[in-house]
């Protein structure tokens, strides 16, 4: 009888581990990953083209001559609408400001869509 109860509890716990989504780093990445970033194909964008993506619902930024589509992250940005201050423009200075934790520098790669044309 005790073995059956132990097996049942073990089965429930294992089932919960499989069915319950993880709240770790990879779960967060999948939640906010840019839909365009999935291709990871290197493309080149003009400054004029990037400037067209300057809204909450269509937000691209430039960081060190690389273009990122952060549209899916705008609503989750801990700094609120601060991310929109440079939407469609160069955000390098703000991105490397003291307000960002080191993990931010790793996370931005998920939103990369191409390089800025020189």
Protein backbone atom coordinates (compact mmCIF):
# COMPACT_ATOMS: atom_id res chain seq x y z
CA UNK A 1 0.00 0.00 0.00
CA UNK A 2 2.79 2.44 0.92
CA UNK A 3 4.60 1.66 -2.33
CA UNK A 4 1.47 2.43 -4.35
CA UNK A 5 1.01 5.79 -2.58
CA UNK A 6 4.70 6.64 -3.08
CA UNK A 7 4.47 5.73 -6.79
CA UNK A 8 1.34 7.86 -7.19
CA UNK A 9 2.98 10.89 -5.54
CA UNK A 10 6.10 10.43 -7.67
CA UNK A 11 4.00 10.22 -10.84
CA UNK A 12 2.13 13.43 -9.95
CA UNK A 13 5.37 15.30 -9.27
CA UNK A 14 6.99 14.14 -12.51
CA UNK A 15 3.86 15.06 -14.44
CA UNK A 16 3.89 18.54 -12.90
CA UNK A 17 7.53 19.02 -13.91
CA UNK A 18 6.71 18.14 -17.49
CA UNK A 19 3.47 20.11 -17.82
CA UNK A 20 4.25 23.29 -15.86
CA UNK A 21 6.20 25.86 -17.91
CA UNK A 22 9.57 26.89 -16.56
CA UNK A 23 10.05 30.46 -15.42
CA UNK A 24 13.79 30.50 -15.99
CA UNK A 25 15.95 32.30 -18.53
CA UNK A 26 14.97 30.16 -21.53
CA UNK A 27 11.24 30.52 -20.82
CA UNK A 28 11.65 34.28 -20.72
CA UNK A 29 13.61 34.30 -23.97
CA UNK A 30 10.92 32.34 -25.77
CA UNK A 31 8.20 34.64 -24.46
CA UNK A 32 9.73 37.87 -25.71
CA UNK A 33 11.76 36.68 -28.66
CA UNK A 34 11.36 38.74 -31.77
CA UNK A 35 9.51 36.91 -34.51
CA UNK A 36 11.96 38.25 -37.07
CA UNK A 37 15.01 37.15 -35.06
CA UNK A 38 14.21 33.49 -35.66
CA UNK A 39 15.77 33.64 -39.10
CA UNK A 40 19.09 35.13 -37.83
CA UNK A 41 19.90 35.91 -41.45
CA UNK A 42 22.26 38.83 -41.72
CA UNK A 43 20.51 41.65 -43.53
CA UNK A 44 21.46 45.27 -44.01
CA UNK A 45 19.10 48.17 -43.23
CA UNK A 46 19.40 51.85 -44.05
CA UNK A 47 18.97 54.46 -41.32
CA UNK A 48 15.89 55.69 -43.21
CA UNK A 49 14.33 52.22 -43.13
CA UNK A 50 15.00 51.84 -39.40
CA UNK A 51 13.44 55.26 -38.73
CA UNK A 52 10.10 53.97 -40.06
CA UNK A 53 9.87 51.53 -37.14
CA UNK A 54 9.36 54.09 -34.37
CA UNK A 55 6.14 53.05 -32.64
CA UNK A 56 5.15 50.91 -29.68
CA UNK A 57 3.66 48.35 -32.09
CA UNK A 58 6.66 48.44 -34.45
CA UNK A 59 9.87 49.28 -32.62
CA UNK A 60 13.38 48.89 -34.02
CA UNK A 61 16.51 50.27 -32.40
CA UNK A 62 20.17 50.58 -33.38
CA UNK A 63 22.94 49.55 -30.98
CA UNK A 64 26.53 49.79 -32.18
CA UNK A 65 25.53 49.68 -35.87
CA UNK A 66 23.35 46.60 -35.39
CA UNK A 67 19.57 46.66 -35.85
CA UNK A 68 17.19 45.04 -33.36
CA UNK A 69 13.43 44.53 -33.57
CA UNK A 70 12.35 44.96 -29.93
CA UNK A 71 8.62 45.28 -30.63
CA UNK A 72 7.77 42.17 -28.63
CA UNK A 73 9.75 43.49 -25.65
CA UNK A 74 8.32 47.03 -25.43
CA UNK A 75 5.49 46.11 -23.05
CA UNK A 76 7.83 44.10 -20.80
CA UNK A 77 10.61 46.68 -20.61
CA UNK A 78 11.25 47.33 -16.90
CA UNK A 79 11.98 50.98 -17.68
CA UNK A 80 8.52 51.47 -19.13
CA UNK A 81 8.31 53.71 -22.17
CA UNK A 82 11.99 54.70 -21.92
CA UNK A 83 12.68 52.14 -24.65
CA UNK A 84 10.52 54.23 -26.99
CA UNK A 85 12.64 57.37 -26.52
CA UNK A 86 14.95 56.20 -29.31
CA UNK A 87 12.56 53.98 -31.27
CA UNK A 88 13.68 53.97 -34.89
CA UNK A 89 16.97 55.57 -33.91
CA UNK A 90 20.33 54.92 -32.25
CA UNK A 91 19.93 53.62 -28.69
CA UNK A 92 23.58 52.77 -28.02
CA UNK A 93 24.13 55.36 -25.30
CA UNK A 94 20.95 54.51 -23.40
CA UNK A 95 21.46 50.78 -23.77
CA UNK A 96 24.90 50.90 -22.16
CA UNK A 97 23.69 53.15 -19.33
CA UNK A 98 24.06 52.18 -15.67
CA UNK A 99 20.39 51.18 -15.39
CA UNK A 100 20.90 47.94 -17.31
CA UNK A 101 22.04 44.73 -15.66
CA UNK A 102 24.65 42.55 -17.36
CA UNK A 103 21.99 40.02 -18.43
CA UNK A 104 20.53 42.70 -20.69
CA UNK A 105 23.62 42.54 -22.88
CA UNK A 106 23.06 38.82 -23.45
CA UNK A 107 19.33 39.18 -23.99
CA UNK A 108 19.57 41.74 -26.81
CA UNK A 109 20.99 39.15 -29.22
CA UNK A 110 17.57 37.51 -29.37
CA UNK A 111 16.21 40.60 -31.12
CA UNK A 112 18.98 41.07 -33.72
CA UNK A 113 17.69 41.34 -37.29
CA UNK A 114 20.63 42.82 -39.20
CA UNK A 115 23.29 45.48 -39.57
CA UNK A 116 23.06 49.18 -40.24
CA UNK A 117 24.21 50.16 -43.72
CA UNK A 118 27.29 52.36 -43.65
